[in-house]
PDB file of N, CA and C in Angstrom:
ATOM      1  N   UNK A   1       0.608  -0.930   0.143  1.00  0.00           N
ATOM      2  CA  UNK A   1       0.201   0.318   0.027  1.00  0.00           C
ATOM      3  C   UNK A   1       0.540   0.977  -0.168  1.00  0.00           C
ATOM      4  N   UNK A   2       0.569   2.397  -0.489  1.00  0.00           N
ATOM      5  CA  UNK A   2       1.073   3.116  -0.729  1.00  0.00           C
ATOM      6  C   UNK A   2       0.913   4.577   0.364  1.00  0.00           C
ATOM      7  N   UNK A   3       1.314   5.286   0.607  1.00  0.00           N
ATOM      8  CA  UNK A   3       1.126   6.632   1.426  1.00  0.00           C
ATOM      9  C   UNK A   3      -0.007   7.231   0.944  1.00  0.00           C
ATOM     10  N   UNK A   4      -0.555   7.320   0.054  1.00  0.00           N
ATOM     11  CA  UNK A   4      -2.004   7.261  -0.641  1.00  0.00           C
ATOM     12  C   UNK A   4      -3.101   6.794   0.167  1.00  0.00           C
ATOM     13  N   UNK A   5      -2.874   5.395  -0.089  1.00  0.00           N
ATOM     14  CA  UNK A   5      -3.967   4.652   0.201  1.00  0.00           C
ATOM     15  C   UNK A   5      -4.316   4.495   1.825  1.00  0.00           C
ATOM     16  N   UNK A   6      -2.650   4.138   2.447  1.00  0.00           N
ATOM     17  CA  UNK A   6      -2.552   4.886   3.996  1.00  0.00           C
ATOM     18  C   UNK A   6      -3.501   6.187   4.587  1.00  0.00           C
ATOM     19  N   UNK A   7      -3.367   7.281   3.469  1.00  0.00           N
ATOM     20  CA  UNK A   7      -3.675   8.676   3.762  1.00  0.00           C
ATOM     21  C   UNK A   7      -5.572   8.544   3.830  1.00  0.00           C
ATOM     22  N   UNK A   8      -5.915   7.826   2.666  1.00  0.00           N
ATOM     23  CA  UNK A   8      -7.107   7.827   2.427  1.00  0.00           C
ATOM     24  C   UNK A   8      -7.851   6.969   3.750  1.00  0.00           C
ATOM     25  N   UNK A   9      -7.206   5.650   3.718  1.00  0.00           N
ATOM     26  CA  UNK A   9      -7.961   4.917   4.670  1.00  0.00           C
ATOM     27  C   UNK A   9      -8.215   5.906   6.460  1.00  0.00           C
ATOM     28  N   UNK A  10      -6.984   6.682   6.524  1.00  0.00           N
ATOM     29  CA  UNK A  10      -6.877   7.189   7.872  1.00  0.00           C
ATOM     30  C   UNK A  10      -8.211   8.522   7.716  1.00  0.00           C
ATOM     31  N   UNK A  11      -8.059   9.072   6.517  1.00  0.00           N
ATOM     32  CA  UNK A  11      -9.227  10.291   6.268  1.00  0.00           C
ATOM     33  C   UNK A  11     -10.213   9.099   6.949  1.00  0.00           C
ATOM     34  N   UNK A  12     -10.752   8.006   5.999  1.00  0.00           N
ATOM     35  CA  UNK A  12     -12.032   7.119   6.293  1.00  0.00           C
ATOM     36  C   UNK A  12     -12.401   6.864   7.918  1.00  0.00           C
ATOM     37  N   UNK A  13     -11.551   6.884   8.513  1.00  0.00           N
ATOM     38  CA  UNK A  13     -11.529   6.303   9.772  1.00  0.00           C
ATOM     39  C   UNK A  13     -11.690   7.401  10.587  1.00  0.00           C
ATOM     40  N   UNK A  14     -10.914   8.857  10.442  1.00  0.00           N
ATOM     41  CA  UNK A  14     -11.527   9.797  10.999  1.00  0.00           C
ATOM     42  C   UNK A  14     -13.145  10.385  10.254  1.00  0.00           C
ATOM     43  N   UNK A  15     -13.039   9.993   9.560  1.00  0.00           N
ATOM     44  CA  UNK A  15     -14.563  10.359   9.333  1.00  0.00           C
ATOM     45  C   UNK A  15     -15.490   9.455   9.784  1.00  0.00           C
ATOM     46  N   UNK A  16     -15.520   8.398  10.132  1.00  0.00           N
ATOM     47  CA  UNK A  16     -16.272   7.698  10.710  1.00  0.00           C
ATOM     48  C   UNK A  16     -16.173   7.932  12.345  1.00  0.00           C
ATOM     49  N   UNK A  17     -14.806   8.072  13.132  1.00  0.00           N
ATOM     50  CA  UNK A  17     -15.390   8.504  14.148  1.00  0.00           C
ATOM     51  C   UNK A  17     -16.136   9.661  14.734  1.00  0.00           C
ATOM     52  N   UNK A  18     -16.063  10.608  13.555  1.00  0.00           N
ATOM     53  CA  UNK A  18     -16.325  12.023  13.499  1.00  0.00           C
ATOM     54  C   UNK A  18     -18.051  11.491  13.193  1.00  0.00           C
ATOM     55  N   UNK A  19     -18.392  10.761  12.565  1.00  0.00           N
ATOM     56  CA  UNK A  19     -19.698  10.476  12.301  1.00  0.00           C
ATOM     57  C   UNK A  19     -20.103   9.869  13.200  1.00  0.00           C
ATOM     58  N   UNK A  20     -19.772   8.355  14.380  1.00  0.00           N
ATOM     59  CA  UNK A  20     -20.216   8.233  15.278  1.00  0.00           C
ATOM     60  C   UNK A  20     -20.311   8.880  16.701  1.00  0.00           C
ATOM     61  N   UNK A  21     -19.182  10.253  16.608  1.00  0.00           N
ATOM     62  CA  UNK A  21     -19.269  11.017  17.829  1.00  0.00           C
ATOM     63  C   UNK A  21     -20.476  12.141  17.301  1.00  0.00           C
ATOM     64  N   UNK A  22     -20.927  12.215  16.236  1.00  0.00           N
ATOM     65  CA  UNK A  22     -21.827  13.415  15.616  1.00  0.00           C
ATOM     66  C   UNK A  22     -23.305  12.266  15.909  1.00  0.00           C
ATOM     67  N   UNK A  23     -22.928  11.080  15.765  1.00  0.00           N
ATOM     68  CA  UNK A  23     -24.220  10.528  15.625  1.00  0.00           C
ATOM     69  C   UNK A  23     -24.934  10.328  17.350  1.00  0.00           C
ATOM     70  N   UNK A  24     -23.718  10.144  18.172  1.00  0.00           N
ATOM     71  CA  UNK A  24     -24.169   9.952  19.571  1.00  0.00           C
ATOM     72  C   UNK A  24     -24.724  11.631  20.190  1.00  0.00           C
ATOM     73  N   UNK A  25     -23.638  12.324  19.646  1.00  0.00           N
ATOM     74  CA  UNK A  25     -24.151  14.084  20.218  1.00  0.00           C
ATOM     75  C   UNK A  25     -25.487  13.938  19.740  1.00  0.00           C
ATOM     76  N   UNK A  26     -26.193  13.892  18.786  1.00  0.00           N
ATOM     77  CA  UNK A  26     -27.200  14.210  18.195  1.00  0.00           C
ATOM     78  C   UNK A  26     -28.362  13.181  18.865  1.00  0.00           C
ATOM     79  N   UNK A  27     -28.179  12.053  19.122  1.00  0.00           N
ATOM     80  CA  UNK A  27     -29.041  11.124  19.706  1.00  0.00           C
ATOM     81  C   UNK A  27     -29.117  11.754  21.190  1.00  0.00           C
ATOM     82  N   UNK A  28     -28.423  12.512  22.293  1.00  0.00           N
ATOM     83  CA  UNK A  28     -28.273  13.219  23.195  1.00  0.00           C
ATOM     84  C   UNK A  28     -29.082  14.041  23.147  1.00  0.00           C
ATOM     85  N   UNK A  29     -28.742  14.972  22.067  1.00  0.00           N
ATOM     86  CA  UNK A  29     -29.697  15.756  21.964  1.00  0.00           C
ATOM     87  C   UNK A  29     -31.401  15.687  21.558  1.00  0.00           C
ATOM     88  N   UNK A  30     -31.453  14.714  21.014  1.00  0.00           N
ATOM     89  CA  UNK A  30     -32.418  13.902  21.246  1.00  0.00           C
ATOM     90  C   UNK A  30     -33.329  13.921  22.044  1.00  0.00           C
ATOM     91  N   UNK A  31     -32.865  13.436  23.033  1.00  0.00           N
ATOM     92  CA  UNK A  31     -32.784  12.362  24.550  1.00  0.00           C
ATOM     93  C   UNK A  31     -33.539  13.749  25.188  1.00  0.00           C
ATOM     94  N   UNK A  32     -32.786  14.753  25.272  1.00  0.00           N
ATOM     95  CA  UNK A  32     -33.018  15.978  26.291  1.00  0.00           C
ATOM     96  C   UNK A  32     -34.470  16.859  25.391  1.00  0.00           C
ATOM     97  N   UNK A  33     -34.608  16.834  23.759  1.00  0.00           N
ATOM     98  CA  UNK A  33     -35.741  17.642  23.480  1.00  0.00           C
ATOM     99  C   UNK A  33     -36.889  16.786  23.585  1.00  0.00           C
ATOM    100  N   UNK A  34     -36.518  15.224  23.885  1.00  0.00           N
ATOM    101  CA  UNK A  34     -37.748  14.568  24.423  1.00  0.00           C
ATOM    102  C   UNK A  34     -37.999  15.009  25.556  1.00  0.00           C
ATOM    103  N   UNK A  35     -37.444  14.972  26.778  1.00  0.00           N
ATOM    104  CA  UNK A  35     -37.506  15.438  28.162  1.00  0.00           C
ATOM    105  C   UNK A  35     -38.406  17.202  27.586  1.00  0.00           C
ATOM    106  N   UNK A  36     -37.770  17.776  27.074  1.00  0.00           N
ATOM    107  CA  UNK A  36     -38.198  18.924  27.023  1.00  0.00           C
ATOM    108  C   UNK A  36     -39.806  18.818  26.417  1.00  0.00           C
ATOM    109  N   UNK A  37     -40.160  18.291  25.501  1.00  0.00           N
ATOM    110  CA  UNK A  37     -41.145  18.106  25.101  1.00  0.00           C
ATOM    111  C   UNK A  37     -42.183  17.416  26.178  1.00  0.00           C
ATOM    112  N   UNK A  38     -41.808  16.658  27.018  1.00  0.00           N
ATOM    113  CA  UNK A  38     -42.639  15.820  27.620  1.00  0.00           C
ATOM    114  C   UNK A  38     -43.389  17.225  28.806  1.00  0.00           C
ATOM    115  N   UNK A  39     -42.092  17.724  29.023  1.00  0.00           N
ATOM    116  CA  UNK A  39     -42.547  19.152  30.130  1.00  0.00           C
ATOM    117  C   UNK A  39     -43.260  20.027  29.860  1.00  0.00           C
ATOM    118  N   UNK A  40     -43.118  20.382  28.795  1.00  0.00           N
ATOM    119  CA  UNK A  40     -43.792  21.083  27.569  1.00  0.00           C
ATOM    120  C   UNK A  40     -45.095  20.667  27.700  1.00  0.00           C
ATOM    121  N   UNK A  41     -45.717  19.363  27.335  1.00  0.00           N
ATOM    122  CA  UNK A  41     -46.678  18.992  27.289  1.00  0.00           C
ATOM    123  C   UNK A  41     -47.302  19.112  28.900  1.00  0.00           C
ATOM    124  N   UNK A  42     -47.003  18.509  29.740  1.00  0.00           N
ATOM    125  CA  UNK A  42     -47.351  18.891  31.318  1.00  0.00           C
ATOM    126  C   UNK A  42     -47.713  19.953  31.717  1.00  0.00           C
ATOM    127  N   UNK A  43     -46.894  21.299  31.178  1.00  0.00           N
ATOM    128  CA  UNK A  43     -47.263  22.180  31.752  1.00  0.00           C
ATOM    129  C   UNK A  43     -48.843  23.185  31.453  1.00  0.00           C
ATOM    130  N   UNK A  44     -49.877  22.979  30.573  1.00  0.00           N
ATOM    131  CA  UNK A  44     -50.779  23.362  30.825  1.00  0.00           C
ATOM    132  C   UNK A  44     -51.526  22.816  31.998  1.00  0.00           C
ATOM    133  N   UNK A  45     -51.579  21.712  31.925  1.00  0.00           N
ATOM    134  CA  UNK A  45     -52.706  21.031  33.062  1.00  0.00           C
ATOM    135  C   UNK A  45     -51.731  21.491  34.339  1.00  0.00           C
ATOM    136  N   UNK A  46     -50.663  21.551  34.570  1.00  0.00           N
ATOM    137  CA  UNK A  46     -49.912  22.447  36.112  1.00  0.00           C
ATOM    138  C   UNK A  46     -50.352  23.719  35.824  1.00  0.00           C
ATOM    139  N   UNK A  47     -50.137  24.589  34.793  1.00  0.00           N
ATOM    140  CA  UNK A  47     -50.645  26.009  35.031  1.00  0.00           C
ATOM    141  C   UNK A  47     -52.027  25.637  35.239  1.00  0.00           C
ATOM    142  N   UNK A  48     -52.752  24.870  34.804  1.00  0.00           N
ATOM    143  CA  UNK A  48     -54.424  25.093  35.316  1.00  0.00           C
ATOM    144  C   UNK A  48     -54.494  25.121  36.775  1.00  0.00           C
ATOM    145  N   UNK A  49     -53.496  24.223  37.356  1.00  0.00           N
ATOM    146  CA  UNK A  49     -53.882  23.249  38.652  1.00  0.00           C
ATOM    147  C   UNK A  49     -53.644  25.042  39.436  1.00  0.00           C
ATOM    148  N   UNK A  50     -52.399  25.767  39.006  1.00  0.00           N
ATOM    149  CA  UNK A  50     -51.797  26.565  39.604  1.00  0.00           C
ATOM    150  C   UNK A  50     -53.109  27.963  39.971  1.00  0.00           C
ATOM    151  N   UNK A  51     -53.450  27.835  38.383  1.00  0.00           N
ATOM    152  CA  UNK A  51     -54.482  29.110  38.417  1.00  0.00           C
ATOM    153  C   UNK A  51     -55.515  28.596  38.953  1.00  0.00           C
ATOM    154  N   UNK A  52     -56.083  27.272  39.296  1.00  0.00           N
ATOM    155  CA  UNK A  52     -56.952  27.276  40.048  1.00  0.00           C
ATOM    156  C   UNK A  52     -57.399  27.374  41.762  1.00  0.00           C
ATOM    157  N   UNK A  53     -55.875  27.016  41.938  1.00  0.00           N
ATOM    158  CA  UNK A  53     -55.506  27.018  43.388  1.00  0.00           C
ATOM    159  C   UNK A  53     -55.261  28.516  43.512  1.00  0.00           C
ATOM    160  N   UNK A  54     -54.880  29.405  43.024  1.00  0.00           N
ATOM    161  CA  UNK A  54     -54.626  30.459  42.932  1.00  0.00           C
ATOM    162  C   UNK A  54     -56.476  31.644  43.132  1.00  0.00           C
ATOM    163  N   UNK A  55     -56.976  30.716  42.031  1.00  0.00           N
ATOM    164  CA  UNK A  55     -58.304  31.404  42.407  1.00  0.00           C
ATOM    165  C   UNK A  55     -58.908  31.083  43.691  1.00  0.00           C
ATOM    166  N   UNK A  56     -58.671  29.165  44.251  1.00  0.00           N
ATOM    167  CA  UNK A  56     -59.696  29.357  45.228  1.00  0.00           C
ATOM    168  C   UNK A  56     -58.867  30.147  46.693  1.00  0.00           C
ATOM    169  N   UNK A  57     -57.564  30.547  46.509  1.00  0.00           N
ATOM    170  CA  UNK A  57     -56.949  31.804  47.936  1.00  0.00           C
ATOM    171  C   UNK A  57     -57.373  32.761  47.573  1.00  0.00           C
ATOM    172  N   UNK A  58     -57.449  33.312  46.033  1.00  0.00           N
ATOM    173  CA  UNK A  58     -58.121  34.718  46.184  1.00  0.00           C
ATOM    174  C   UNK A  58     -59.508  34.765  46.733  1.00  0.00           C
ATOM    175  N   UNK A  59     -60.238  33.338  46.753  1.00  0.00           N
ATOM    176  CA  UNK A  59     -61.698  33.620  47.094  1.00  0.00           C
ATOM    177  C   UNK A  59     -61.865  33.548  48.289  1.00  0.00           C
ATOM    178  N   UNK A  60     -60.843  33.219  48.768  1.00  0.00           N
ATOM    179  CA  UNK A  60     -60.587  32.437  50.647  1.00  0.00           C
ATOM    180  C   UNK A  60     -60.023  33.834  51.273  1.00  0.00           C
ATOM    181  N   UNK A  61     -59.338  34.547  50.395  1.00  0.00           N
ATOM    182  CA  UNK A  61     -58.822  35.751  51.014  1.00  0.00           C
ATOM    183  C   UNK A  61     -60.185  36.711  50.855  1.00  0.00           C
ATOM    184  N   UNK A  62     -60.639  37.104  49.905  1.00  0.00           N
ATOM    185  CA  UNK A  62     -61.772  38.090  49.590  1.00  0.00           C
ATOM    186  C   UNK A  62     -62.731  37.497  51.086  1.00  0.00           C
ATOM    187  N   UNK A  63     -63.103  36.203  50.801  1.00  0.00           N
ATOM    188  CA  UNK A  63     -64.202  35.906  52.081  1.00  0.00           C
ATOM    189  C   UNK A  63     -63.830  36.052  53.596  1.00  0.00           C
ATOM    190  N   UNK A  64     -62.357  36.086  53.829  1.00  0.00           N
ATOM    191  CA  UNK A  64     -61.606  36.259  55.196  1.00  0.00           C
ATOM    192  C   UNK A  64     -61.760  38.452  55.329  1.00  0.00           C
ATOM    193  N   UNK A  65     -61.511  38.504  54.086  1.00  0.00           N
ATOM    194  CA  UNK A  65     -61.289  40.213  53.920  1.00  0.00           C
ATOM    195  C   UNK A  65     -62.138  40.775  54.503  1.00  0.00           C
ATOM    196  N   UNK A  66     -64.192  40.527  53.957  1.00  0.00           N
ATOM    197  CA  UNK A  66     -65.239  40.510  54.539  1.00  0.00           C
ATOM    198  C   UNK A  66     -65.776  40.061  55.654  1.00  0.00           C
ATOM    199  N   UNK A  67     -64.898  39.130  55.982  1.00  0.00           N
ATOM    200  CA  UNK A  67     -65.500  38.619  57.354  1.00  0.00           C
ATOM    201  C   UNK A  67     -64.827  39.815  58.468  1.00  0.00           C
ATOM    202  N   UNK A  68     -63.629  40.106  58.361  1.00  0.00           N
ATOM    203  CA  UNK A  68     -62.977  40.929  58.960  1.00  0.00           C
ATOM    204  C   UNK A  68     -63.612  42.618  59.065  1.00  0.00           C
ATOM    205  N   UNK A  69     -64.229  42.840  57.869  1.00  0.00           N
ATOM    206  CA  UNK A  69     -64.543  44.254  57.791  1.00  0.00           C
ATOM    207  C   UNK A  69     -66.111  44.275  58.771  1.00  0.00           C
ATOM    208  N   UNK A  70     -66.565  43.162  58.188  1.00  0.00           N
ATOM    209  CA  UNK A  70     -67.980  42.945  59.429  1.00  0.00           C
ATOM    210  C   UNK A  70     -68.058  42.971  60.730  1.00  0.00           C
ATOM    211  N   UNK A  71     -66.686  42.602  60.936  1.00  0.00           N
ATOM    212  CA  UNK A  71     -66.085  42.621  62.535  1.00  0.00           C
ATOM    213  C   UNK A  71     -65.832  43.913  62.797  1.00  0.00           C
ATOM    214  N   UNK A  72     -65.078  44.297  62.042  1.00  0.00           N
ATOM    215  CA  UNK A  72     -64.778  45.782  62.326  1.00  0.00           C
ATOM    216  C   UNK A  72     -65.643  46.724  62.420  1.00  0.00           C
ATOM    217  N   UNK A  73     -67.089  46.423  61.782  1.00  0.00           N
ATOM    218  CA  UNK A  73     -68.228  47.613  61.799  1.00  0.00           C
ATOM    219  C   UNK A  73     -69.084  47.136  62.793  1.00  0.00           C
ATOM    220  N   UNK A  74     -68.669  46.037  63.302  1.00  0.00           N
ATOM    221  CA  UNK A  74     -69.485  45.539  64.683  1.00  0.00           C
ATOM    222  C   UNK A  74     -68.590  46.211  65.674  1.00  0.00           C
ATOM    223  N   UNK A  75     -67.132  46.368  65.916  1.00  0.00           N
ATOM    224  CA  UNK A  75     -66.726  47.051  66.751  1.00  0.00           C
ATOM    225  C   UNK A  75     -66.173  48.569  66.839  1.00  0.00           C
ATOM    226  N   UNK A  76     -66.502  48.769  65.631  1.00  0.00           N
ATOM    227  CA  UNK A  76     -66.552  50.633  65.503  1.00  0.00           C
ATOM    228  C   UNK A  76     -67.409  51.250  66.697  1.00  0.00           C
ATOM    229  N   UNK A  77     -68.516  50.987  67.018  1.00  0.00           N
ATOM    230  CA  UNK A  77     -69.723  51.534  67.404  1.00  0.00           C
ATOM    231  C   UNK A  77     -68.650  51.651  69.319  1.00  0.00           C
ATOM    232  N   UNK A  78     -68.183  50.501  69.542  1.00  0.00           N
ATOM    233  CA  UNK A  78     -67.164  50.120  70.547  1.00  0.00           C
ATOM    234  C   UNK A  78     -66.130  51.093  70.620  1.00  0.00           C
ATOM    235  N   UNK A  79     -65.577  51.321  69.690  1.00  0.00           N
ATOM    236  CA  UNK A  79     -64.266  52.021  69.538  1.00  0.00           C
ATOM    237  C   UNK A  79     -64.488  53.425  69.556  1.00  0.00           C
ATOM    238  N   UNK A  80     -66.030  54.165  69.352  1.00  0.00           N
ATOM    239  CA  UNK A  80     -66.108  55.209  69.419  1.00  0.00           C
ATOM    240  C   UNK A  80     -66.393  55.764  70.741  1.00  0.00           C
ATOM    241  N   UNK A  81     -67.201  54.510  71.335  1.00  0.00           N
ATOM    242  CA  UNK A  81     -67.805  54.745  72.775  1.00  0.00           C
ATOM    243  C   UNK A  81     -66.376  55.245  73.664  1.00  0.00           C
ATOM    244  N   UNK A  82     -65.127  54.439  73.328  1.00  0.00           N
ATOM    245  CA  UNK A  82     -63.816  54.319  73.975  1.00  0.00           C
ATOM    246  C   UNK A  82     -63.288  55.906  74.130  1.00  0.00           C
ATOM    247  N   UNK A  83     -63.435  55.988  72.451  1.00  0.00           N
ATOM    248  CA  UNK A  83     -62.814  57.667  72.387  1.00  0.00           C
ATOM    249  C   UNK A  83     -63.600  58.373  72.921  1.00  0.00           C
ATOM    250  N   UNK A  84     -64.984  58.356  72.581  1.00  0.00           N
ATOM    251  CA  UNK A  84     -65.646  59.347  73.853  1.00  0.00           C
ATOM    252  C   UNK A  84     -65.352  59.472  75.178  1.00  0.00           C
ATOM    253  N   UNK A  85     -65.129  58.209  76.046  1.00  0.00           N
ATOM    254  CA  UNK A  85     -64.954  58.139  77.521  1.00  0.00           C
ATOM    255  C   UNK A  85     -63.417  58.856  77.387  1.00  0.00           C
ATOM    256  N   UNK A  86     -62.894  58.621  76.377  1.00  0.00           N
ATOM    257  CA  UNK A  86     -61.393  59.122  76.835  1.00  0.00           C
ATOM    258  C   UNK A  86     -61.515  60.348  76.406  1.00  0.00           C
ATOM    259  N   UNK A  87     -62.262  61.120  75.678  1.00  0.00           N
ATOM    260  CA  UNK A  87     -62.285  62.709  75.496  1.00  0.00           C
ATOM    261  C   UNK A  87     -62.784  63.351  76.851  1.00  0.00           C
ATOM    262  N   UNK A  88     -64.122  62.777  77.453  1.00  0.00           N
ATOM    263  CA  UNK A  88     -64.490  62.851  78.483  1.00  0.00           C
ATOM    264  C   UNK A  88     -63.705  63.325  79.522  1.00  0.00           C
ATOM    265  N   UNK A  89     -62.964  61.961  79.862  1.00  0.00           N
ATOM    266  CA  UNK A  89     -62.088  62.025  80.739  1.00  0.00           C
ATOM    267  C   UNK A  89     -60.740  62.803  80.867  1.00  0.00           C
ATOM    268  N   UNK A  90     -60.278  63.319  79.733  1.00  0.00           N
ATOM    269  CA  UNK A  90     -59.281  64.641  79.317  1.00  0.00           C
ATOM    270  C   UNK A  90     -60.046  65.477  79.700  1.00  0.00           C
ATOM    271  N   UNK A  91     -61.434  66.018  78.796  1.00  0.00           N
ATOM    272  CA  UNK A  91     -61.888  67.121  79.429  1.00  0.00           C
ATOM    273  C   UNK A  91     -62.289  67.643  80.709  1.00  0.00           C
ATOM    274  N   UNK A  92     -62.449  66.762  82.011  1.00  0.00           N
ATOM    275  CA  UNK A  92     -62.895  66.594  82.888  1.00  0.00           C
ATOM    276  C   UNK A  92     -61.401  66.741  83.955  1.00  0.00           C
ATOM    277  N   UNK A  93     -60.646  65.947  83.650  1.00  0.00           N
ATOM    278  CA  UNK A  93     -59.081  66.133  84.189  1.00  0.00           C
ATOM    279  C   UNK A  93     -58.491  67.521  84.257  1.00  0.00           C
ATOM    280  N   UNK A  94     -58.218  67.839  82.632  1.00  0.00           N
ATOM    281  CA  UNK A  94     -58.152  69.266  82.431  1.00  0.00           C
ATOM    282  C   UNK A  94     -58.008  70.205  83.383  1.00  0.00           C
ATOM    283  N   UNK A  95     -59.311  70.154  83.880  1.00  0.00           N
ATOM    284  CA  UNK A  95     -59.678  71.869  84.551  1.00  0.00           C
ATOM    285  C   UNK A  95     -59.003  71.357  86.009  1.00  0.00           C
ATOM    286  N   UNK A  96     -59.043  69.804  86.407  1.00  0.00           N
ATOM    287  CA  UNK A  96     -58.695  69.507  87.443  1.00  0.00           C
ATOM    288  C   UNK A  96     -57.109  69.872  87.776  1.00  0.00           C
ATOM    289  N   UNK A  97     -56.747  69.291  86.699  1.00  0.00           N
ATOM    290  CA  UNK A  97     -55.191  69.463  86.687  1.00  0.00           C
ATOM    291  C   UNK A  97     -54.284  70.679  86.333  1.00  0.00           C
ATOM    292  N   UNK A  98     -55.243  72.279  85.733  1.00  0.00           N
ATOM    293  CA  UNK A  98     -54.624  73.180  85.934  1.00  0.00           C
ATOM    294  C   UNK A  98     -55.225  73.412  87.531  1.00  0.00           C
ATOM    295  N   UNK A  99     -55.909  73.061  88.048  1.00  0.00           N
ATOM    296  CA  UNK A  99     -56.256  73.866  89.333  1.00  0.00           C
ATOM    297  C   UNK A  99     -55.530  73.620  90.651  1.00  0.00           C
ATOM    298  N   UNK A 100     -55.011  72.338  90.164  1.00  0.00           N
ATOM    299  CA  UNK A 100     -54.046  71.799  91.153  1.00  0.00           C
ATOM    300  C   UNK A 100     -52.614  72.483  90.766  1.00  0.00           C
ATOM    301  N   UNK A 101     -52.164  72.644  89.506  1.00  0.00           N
ATOM    302  CA  UNK A 101     -51.203  73.421  89.065  1.00  0.00           C
ATOM    303  C   UNK A 101     -50.574  74.666  89.818  1.00  0.00           C
ATOM    304  N   UNK A 102     -52.028  75.462  89.536  1.00  0.00           N
ATOM    305  CA  UNK A 102     -52.408  76.506  90.452  1.00  0.00           C
ATOM    306  C   UNK A 102     -52.315  76.434  91.749  1.00  0.00           C
ATOM    307  N   UNK A 103     -52.575  75.525  92.527  1.00  0.00           N
ATOM    308  CA  UNK A 103     -52.846  75.387  94.317  1.00  0.00           C
ATOM    309  C   UNK A 103     -51.506  75.393  94.104  1.00  0.00           C
ATOM    310  N   UNK A 104     -50.444  74.201  93.794  1.00  0.00           N
ATOM    311  CA  UNK A 104     -49.071  74.319  94.135  1.00  0.00           C
ATOM    312  C   UNK A 104     -48.549  75.541  94.233  1.00  0.00           C
ATOM    313  N   UNK A 105     -48.990  76.369  92.996  1.00  0.00           N
ATOM    314  CA  UNK A 105     -47.691  77.693  92.883  1.00  0.00           C
ATOM    315  C   UNK A 105     -48.334  78.651  94.042  1.00  0.00           C
ATOM    316  N   UNK A 106     -49.697  78.665  94.479  1.00  0.00           N
ATOM    317  CA  UNK A 106     -50.011  79.302  95.477  1.00  0.00           C
ATOM    318  C   UNK A 106     -49.551  78.947  96.743  1.00  0.00           C
ATOM    319  N   UNK A 107     -49.358  77.998  96.824  1.00  0.00           N
ATOM    320  CA  UNK A 107     -48.296  77.600  98.124  1.00  0.00           C
ATOM    321  C   UNK A 107     -47.372  77.529  98.092  1.00  0.00           C
ATOM    322  N   UNK A 108     -46.683  77.154  97.051  1.00  0.00           N
ATOM    323  CA  UNK A 108     -45.265  77.636  96.981  1.00  0.00           C
ATOM    324  C   UNK A 108     -44.969  79.352  97.616  1.00  0.00           C
ATOM    325  N   UNK A 109     -45.817  80.109  96.434  1.00  0.00           N
ATOM    326  CA  UNK A 109     -45.665  81.472  97.104  1.00  0.00           C
ATOM    327  C   UNK A 109     -45.807  81.894  98.705  1.00  0.00           C
ATOM    328  N   UNK A 110     -46.941  80.842  98.934  1.00  0.00           N
ATOM    329  CA  UNK A 110     -47.678  81.717 100.395  1.00  0.00           C
ATOM    330  C   UNK A 110     -46.052  80.874 101.343  1.00  0.00           C
ATOM    331  N   UNK A 111     -45.623  80.243 100.965  1.00  0.00           N
ATOM    332  CA  UNK A 111     -43.836  79.356 101.664  1.00  0.00           C
ATOM    333  C   UNK A 111     -43.085  80.302 101.436  1.00  0.00           C
ATOM    334  N   UNK A 112     -42.823  81.061 100.580  1.00  0.00           N
ATOM    335  CA  UNK A 112     -41.826  81.948 100.204  1.00  0.00           C
ATOM    336  C   UNK A 112     -42.167  83.195 100.807  1.00  0.00           C
ATOM    337  N   UNK A 113     -43.218  83.658 101.405  1.00  0.00           N
ATOM    338  CA  UNK A 113     -43.343  84.850 101.997  1.00  0.00           C
ATOM    339  C   UNK A 113     -43.466  84.756 103.284  1.00  0.00           C
ATOM    340  N   UNK A 114     -43.431  83.657 104.061  1.00  0.00           N
ATOM    341  CA  UNK A 114     -43.280  83.243 105.526  1.00  0.00           C
ATOM    342  C   UNK A 114     -41.933  83.233 105.822  1.00  0.00           C
TER     343      UNK A 114
END
C-alpha cells in the first residue's frame, strides 16, 4: 500500500469516528428535546392547577377580608365609645390638673412669703 492509500484509510477512519461522535451527540440532543417535549406537554395541566389554586386562595382571601370588615363594623361603635370616654375624661381632668397646678403655685408663693 502506498502512502496515498494509507492517507485515504486514515481519513476514512477519522470520518467514521466523527460520524459516530456526531450521531452520539445528536442522539443525546434528541433525548434532551424529548424530555423538554414531555415537560412542555405537562405545563398546561400544571398551569391550570396553579390558576385554580390561586383562584381558590383569592376567593378565600376575599371571604376573610369581608368577615374582618364585618367584625370591624361591629366593633366600630365600641371604639367610638372608648374614644368618647377618653375625651370626656381628658376634658374633666384638664381643669382639675390646672387647678392643682395653680394651688401648688399659690402654696409655693405662700411658703416663700413666710
